Protein backbone atom coordinates (compact mmCIF):
# COMPACT_ATOMS: atom_id res chain seq x y z
CA MET A 1 36.57 -35.98 11.87
CA ILE A 2 35.42 -36.64 15.42
CA ILE A 3 35.16 -33.62 17.71
CA VAL A 4 34.76 -34.60 21.36
CA TYR A 5 33.55 -31.75 23.54
CA ASP A 6 33.29 -32.83 27.14
CA LYS A 7 33.84 -31.20 30.49
CA ILE A 8 32.87 -34.10 32.71
CA GLY A 9 34.39 -34.48 36.16
CA GLN A 10 38.07 -34.88 36.79
CA MET A 11 40.97 -36.60 35.05
CA SER A 12 39.81 -40.22 34.92
CA ASN A 13 36.27 -39.28 33.83
CA ARG A 14 37.69 -37.27 30.92
CA ILE A 15 40.01 -40.12 29.96
CA TRP A 16 37.15 -42.63 29.91
CA SER A 17 34.97 -40.23 27.93
CA ALA A 18 37.70 -40.11 25.26
CA VAL A 19 38.50 -43.84 25.05
CA PRO A 20 35.64 -44.95 22.72
CA SER A 21 36.33 -42.12 20.27
CA ILE A 22 40.04 -42.94 20.29
CA ALA A 23 39.31 -46.61 19.58
CA TYR A 24 36.93 -45.68 16.76
CA SER A 25 39.43 -43.20 15.34
CA LEU A 26 42.26 -45.75 15.30
CA GLU A 27 40.05 -48.45 13.80
CA ASN A 28 38.69 -46.24 11.01
CA ASN A 29 41.72 -44.01 10.42
CA GLU A 30 39.61 -40.98 11.28
CA LYS A 31 40.92 -37.81 12.92
CA MET A 32 39.77 -37.14 16.51
CA ILE A 33 40.18 -34.00 18.57
CA PHE A 34 39.22 -33.54 22.22
CA ILE A 35 38.70 -29.83 22.78
CA TYR A 36 38.32 -29.55 26.55
CA PHE A 37 40.81 -31.84 28.29
CA GLY A 38 41.93 -28.98 30.50
CA ASP A 39 45.08 -28.83 32.57
CA TYR A 40 45.39 -32.63 32.62
CA ILE A 41 47.27 -32.56 29.32
CA HIS A 42 50.61 -31.96 31.04
CA PHE A 43 50.30 -35.27 32.94
CA PHE A 44 50.69 -37.20 29.68
CA PRO A 45 53.81 -36.41 27.63
CA HIS A 46 52.76 -38.74 24.78
CA ILE A 47 49.16 -37.59 24.50
CA ASN A 48 49.54 -35.89 21.10
CA GLU A 49 52.13 -38.14 19.48
CA ASN A 50 49.66 -40.19 17.43
CA PRO A 51 48.89 -38.17 14.26
CA LEU A 52 45.20 -39.10 14.38
CA ILE A 53 44.63 -37.94 17.95
CA ARG A 54 44.76 -34.42 19.36
CA PHE A 55 43.92 -33.10 22.81
CA TYR A 56 43.53 -29.41 23.59
CA GLY A 57 43.08 -27.38 26.73
CA ILE A 58 40.61 -24.61 27.39
CA LYS A 59 42.11 -21.59 25.65
CA GLY A 60 41.64 -19.72 22.39
CA LYS A 61 39.47 -20.99 19.56
CA TRP A 62 38.88 -24.35 21.22
CA ALA A 63 37.27 -22.70 24.25
CA ILE A 64 34.99 -20.75 21.91
CA LEU A 65 34.08 -23.89 19.94
CA PHE A 66 33.36 -25.73 23.19
CA LYS A 67 30.94 -23.03 24.32
CA ILE A 68 29.19 -23.02 20.94
CA LEU A 69 28.78 -26.80 20.82
CA SER A 70 27.63 -26.95 24.45
CA LYS A 71 24.99 -24.32 23.74
CA LEU A 72 23.78 -26.05 20.57
CA SER A 73 23.61 -29.33 22.45
CA LYS A 74 21.47 -27.86 25.23
CA LEU A 75 19.14 -26.41 22.62
CA GLY A 76 18.88 -29.80 20.90
CA ILE A 77 20.00 -28.35 17.58
CA ILE A 78 22.76 -30.86 16.69
CA PRO A 79 21.14 -33.63 14.57
CA ALA A 80 21.24 -37.18 15.94
CA ARG A 81 23.39 -38.47 13.06
CA LEU A 82 26.09 -35.93 13.96
CA ARG A 83 26.05 -37.12 17.57
CA ASP A 84 26.46 -40.79 16.67
CA LEU A 85 30.05 -42.01 16.80
CA ASN A 86 29.24 -44.83 14.37
CA SER A 87 27.60 -42.64 11.72
CA LYS A 88 29.25 -42.15 8.33
CA THR A 89 29.08 -38.36 8.34
CA SER A 90 32.30 -36.46 7.63
CA VAL A 91 32.13 -34.58 10.94
CA LYS A 92 30.74 -35.82 14.27
CA PHE A 93 30.22 -33.86 17.46
CA ILE A 94 30.51 -36.25 20.37
CA GLN A 95 29.81 -35.73 24.04
CA GLY A 96 32.17 -38.44 25.15
CA TRP A 97 30.62 -39.26 28.51
CA ARG A 98 27.16 -39.77 27.01
CA SER A 99 28.60 -41.68 24.07
CA ARG A 100 31.10 -43.82 25.94
CA HIS A 101 29.25 -47.07 25.23
CA MET A 102 28.94 -46.58 21.47
CA VAL A 103 31.83 -48.93 20.70
CA SER A 104 32.33 -52.51 21.83
CA GLY A 105 34.73 -53.72 24.46
CA ASP A 106 36.37 -55.81 21.73
CA LEU A 107 37.25 -52.67 19.77
CA ILE A 108 38.69 -51.00 22.85
CA ALA A 109 40.67 -54.16 23.64
CA LYS A 110 42.01 -54.23 20.07
CA HIS A 111 43.48 -50.73 20.46
CA LYS A 112 44.26 -50.89 24.16
CA GLY A 113 48.01 -50.78 23.62
CA GLU A 114 47.88 -47.49 21.73
CA ILE A 115 45.28 -46.05 24.12
CA CYS A 116 47.56 -46.79 27.08
CA LYS A 117 50.51 -45.29 25.20
CA ILE A 118 48.57 -42.07 24.57
CA PHE A 119 47.87 -41.79 28.29
CA GLY A 120 51.33 -42.93 29.37
CA TYR A 121 52.88 -41.08 32.30
CA SER A 122 56.20 -39.27 32.42
CA ASP A 123 59.47 -41.16 32.88
CA GLU A 124 59.86 -39.42 36.23
CA ILE A 125 56.61 -40.88 37.59
CA VAL A 126 57.17 -44.30 36.05
CA GLU A 127 60.72 -44.66 37.32
CA HIS A 128 59.87 -43.43 40.82
CA VAL A 129 56.86 -45.72 41.26
CA ASN A 130 58.57 -48.72 39.67
CA ALA A 131 61.53 -48.37 42.04
CA VAL A 132 59.22 -48.35 45.07
CA PHE A 133 57.32 -51.42 43.90
CA GLU A 134 60.46 -53.35 42.96
CA ALA A 135 61.73 -52.88 46.50
CA LYS A 136 58.40 -53.97 48.01
CA ARG A 137 58.21 -57.08 45.84
CA LYS A 138 61.45 -58.40 47.28
CA ASP A 139 59.52 -59.31 50.44
CA ASN A 140 55.97 -59.68 49.13
CA GLU A 141 54.52 -62.06 46.58
CA VAL A 142 51.35 -60.02 46.23
CA ILE A 143 50.61 -56.30 46.43
CA VAL A 144 46.98 -55.29 46.80
CA GLY A 145 46.00 -51.72 45.97
CA VAL A 146 43.41 -50.09 48.20
CA HIS A 147 41.72 -46.94 46.92
CA ILE A 148 40.28 -44.96 49.82
CA ARG A 149 38.06 -42.30 48.30
CA ARG A 150 36.82 -39.64 50.66
CA GLY A 151 36.28 -35.93 49.93
CA ASP A 152 33.22 -35.58 47.68
CA TYR A 153 32.07 -39.11 48.54
CA GLN A 154 30.91 -37.86 51.93
CA LYS A 155 27.86 -36.29 50.28
CA TRP A 156 27.56 -38.22 47.01
CA ILE A 157 24.51 -40.55 47.20
CA ASN A 158 24.16 -39.56 50.86
CA GLY A 159 27.61 -40.89 51.72
CA LYS A 160 26.79 -44.45 50.61
CA TYR A 161 30.41 -45.10 49.57
CA TYR A 162 32.10 -42.95 52.19
CA PHE A 163 33.64 -45.76 54.24
CA SER A 164 35.42 -45.56 57.59
CA ASP A 165 38.99 -46.62 58.30
CA GLU A 166 37.53 -49.41 60.42
CA LEU A 167 35.78 -50.87 57.38
CA TYR A 168 38.83 -50.57 55.14
CA SER A 169 40.92 -52.25 57.83
CA LYS A 170 38.38 -55.10 58.03
CA TRP A 171 38.38 -55.58 54.26
CA ILE A 172 42.17 -55.51 54.05
CA LYS A 173 42.47 -58.13 56.80
CA ALA A 174 39.94 -60.36 55.01
CA ILE A 175 41.97 -60.36 51.78
CA ASP A 176 45.24 -60.73 53.71
CA ALA A 177 43.87 -63.80 55.51
CA GLU A 178 42.77 -65.38 52.23
CA LEU A 179 46.20 -64.82 50.69
CA LYS A 180 47.88 -66.32 53.76
CA GLU A 181 45.69 -69.40 53.37
CA GLN A 182 47.22 -69.71 49.90
CA GLY A 183 50.68 -69.43 51.43
CA LYS A 184 51.32 -65.98 49.98
CA THR A 185 52.82 -62.93 51.68
CA ALA A 186 51.13 -59.65 50.91
CA SER A 187 51.50 -55.92 51.35
CA PHE A 188 48.84 -53.29 50.74
CA TYR A 189 49.35 -50.09 48.82
CA ILE A 190 46.94 -47.40 50.00
CA ALA A 191 46.00 -44.51 47.72
CA SER A 192 43.77 -41.82 49.17
CA ASN A 193 42.80 -38.19 48.74
CA GLU A 194 43.09 -37.81 52.52
CA HIS A 195 45.87 -38.35 55.04
CA ILE A 196 46.18 -41.96 56.21
CA LYS A 197 46.05 -42.34 59.99
CA ALA A 198 48.50 -45.13 60.81
CA GLU A 199 46.85 -45.82 64.16
CA ASN A 200 43.73 -47.00 62.30
CA TYR A 201 45.66 -49.66 60.40
CA LEU A 202 47.62 -51.34 63.17
CA GLY A 203 48.70 -54.89 62.36
CA ILE A 204 48.45 -54.27 58.61
CA LYS A 205 51.49 -54.25 56.35
CA TYR A 206 50.83 -51.30 54.09
CA PHE A 207 52.69 -48.50 52.36
CA THR A 208 52.01 -45.22 50.57
CA LEU A 209 54.02 -43.02 48.22
CA ALA A 210 55.93 -40.12 49.68
CA ASN A 211 54.94 -36.78 48.11
CA SER A 212 52.20 -38.48 46.16
CA SER A 213 49.76 -36.97 43.68
CA SER A 214 46.73 -38.16 41.75
CA GLU A 215 48.80 -39.19 38.72
CA LYS A 216 51.40 -40.99 40.85
CA ASP A 217 48.74 -42.83 42.83
CA ILE A 218 46.82 -44.00 39.78
CA TYR A 219 49.99 -45.33 38.15
CA ALA A 220 50.99 -46.98 41.44
CA LEU A 221 47.59 -48.68 41.68
CA SER A 222 48.16 -50.04 38.17
CA LYS A 223 51.33 -51.77 39.42
CA CYS A 224 49.45 -53.77 42.05
CA ASP A 225 48.17 -57.34 41.61
CA TYR A 226 44.64 -56.48 42.75
CA ILE A 227 42.70 -53.28 43.45
CA MET A 228 39.73 -52.76 45.74
CA GLY A 229 37.79 -49.71 46.84
CA PRO A 230 34.49 -47.89 46.31
CA THR A 231 33.22 -47.53 42.76
CA SER A 232 35.37 -45.02 40.89
CA THR A 233 36.50 -44.32 37.35
CA TYR A 234 39.90 -43.50 38.89
CA SER A 235 40.72 -46.96 40.21
CA GLN A 236 38.96 -48.49 37.21
CA TRP A 237 41.40 -46.71 34.90
CA ALA A 238 44.31 -47.99 36.99
CA ALA A 239 42.99 -51.55 36.65
CA PHE A 240 42.53 -51.09 32.90
CA ILE A 241 46.05 -49.83 32.14
CA GLY A 242 47.60 -52.33 34.56
CA ASN A 243 45.49 -55.22 33.22
CA ILE A 244 44.74 -56.31 36.78
CA PRO A 245 41.54 -57.42 38.54
CA ILE A 246 39.50 -54.99 40.61
CA ARG A 247 36.61 -55.30 43.03
CA PHE A 248 34.33 -52.43 43.97
CA LEU A 249 33.15 -52.38 47.58
CA LEU A 250 29.49 -51.46 47.47
CA SER A 251 28.18 -51.97 50.99
CA ARG A 252 29.37 -51.89 54.57
CA GLU A 253 28.20 -55.46 55.10
CA GLU A 254 30.10 -57.23 52.34
CA VAL A 255 33.34 -59.15 52.82
CA PRO A 256 35.44 -59.28 49.64
CA THR A 257 37.07 -62.49 48.43
CA LEU A 258 39.61 -62.94 45.65
CA LYS A 259 37.08 -64.68 43.40
CA ASP A 260 35.07 -61.44 43.32
CA PHE A 261 37.83 -59.54 41.47
CA SER A 262 37.80 -59.16 37.69
CA LYS A 263 39.72 -57.30 34.99
CA VAL A 264 38.22 -54.29 33.22
CA VAL A 265 37.17 -54.62 29.58
CA SER A 266 35.77 -51.12 29.24
CA LEU A 267 34.14 -48.62 31.56
CA PHE A 268 31.86 -50.48 34.03
CA TYR A 269 32.19 -53.72 32.06
CA PHE A 270 34.34 -56.59 33.32
CA GLU A 271 36.04 -59.72 32.06
CA SER A 272 33.78 -61.77 34.35
CA GLY A 273 30.88 -60.87 32.05
CA GLN A 274 29.36 -58.52 34.61
CA SER A 275 28.68 -54.83 34.23
CA MET A 276 27.60 -52.14 36.68
CA ILE A 277 24.49 -50.01 36.76
CA LEU A 278 23.36 -47.20 39.03
CA ASP A 279 19.77 -47.02 40.20
CA GLU A 280 17.91 -45.49 43.13
CA THR A 281 19.70 -47.78 45.59
CA GLY A 282 23.19 -47.07 44.27
CA PHE A 283 25.63 -49.08 42.18
CA ARG A 284 25.27 -52.81 41.72
CA TYR A 285 26.84 -55.56 39.66
CA VAL A 286 24.61 -57.24 37.07
CA ASP A 287 25.22 -60.14 34.70
CA GLY A 288 25.74 -59.23 31.07
CA LEU A 289 26.52 -55.97 29.32
CA LYS A 290 24.03 -53.39 30.54
CA TYR A 291 24.30 -49.63 30.76
CA ASN A 292 22.26 -46.90 32.35
CA TYR A 293 23.03 -43.85 30.20
CA ASN A 294 21.29 -41.31 32.40
CA ARG A 295 23.09 -42.22 35.60
CA ILE A 296 26.63 -43.44 34.90
């Protein structure tokens, strides 16, 4: 049995912290339970349909077990073999975020269909978003998703990825111009945790979802043909479930081009063969599969 006890960040972080354990569970026919998924459970009506996989919230015995395991972990009492997802012990206690690179991208790809089914959204969200995108595609060959992340990014790494509307507008126009050179018409779907000021995007054909929410926006991003924005597990999950290429915007000076986009294999690892690391200067793309466990 695999017991995943994580309380890392928000929805997409918790999903990514569960993915390797789910893939391992499905591959080895081993039971997995995630004991601190919180209130996000109600977003996913199929989350507990697979008999091998169980997600729980924060109440009752699971909350007590979470506190016990967290305490034992801080004290360094849990033996290494019990913290290794690939060990052959009968019970494993996994901190998903720290252990998220313990399985290969190939294994995640093998079970991607079931993983996406587990985290499938409600019919209400799917039907609403699909209807919006079907209407938009009547007049647009390409839809590019733009994730504008603000809020906590204003202070995170000294605001390195807190970009202005002026920059987003510049990046959107660069991609739009490249698509026009290819003879393609495009529209841009903007997802943001802040209100979009239309006056800052004059001359750009874009749209948003009325009465949106985090789960609607992430599913809508997955319906685009490309996604761009600052580095985020949120947009990365959208790219993963939508099987579409993404490009993270890492500096105010860069100008994105379509050749820069790549599909997601697993967290911070891309079909292009590149991965991402975080060092003192911030995030950067590197060639090959490399991880920095202490930072991302």
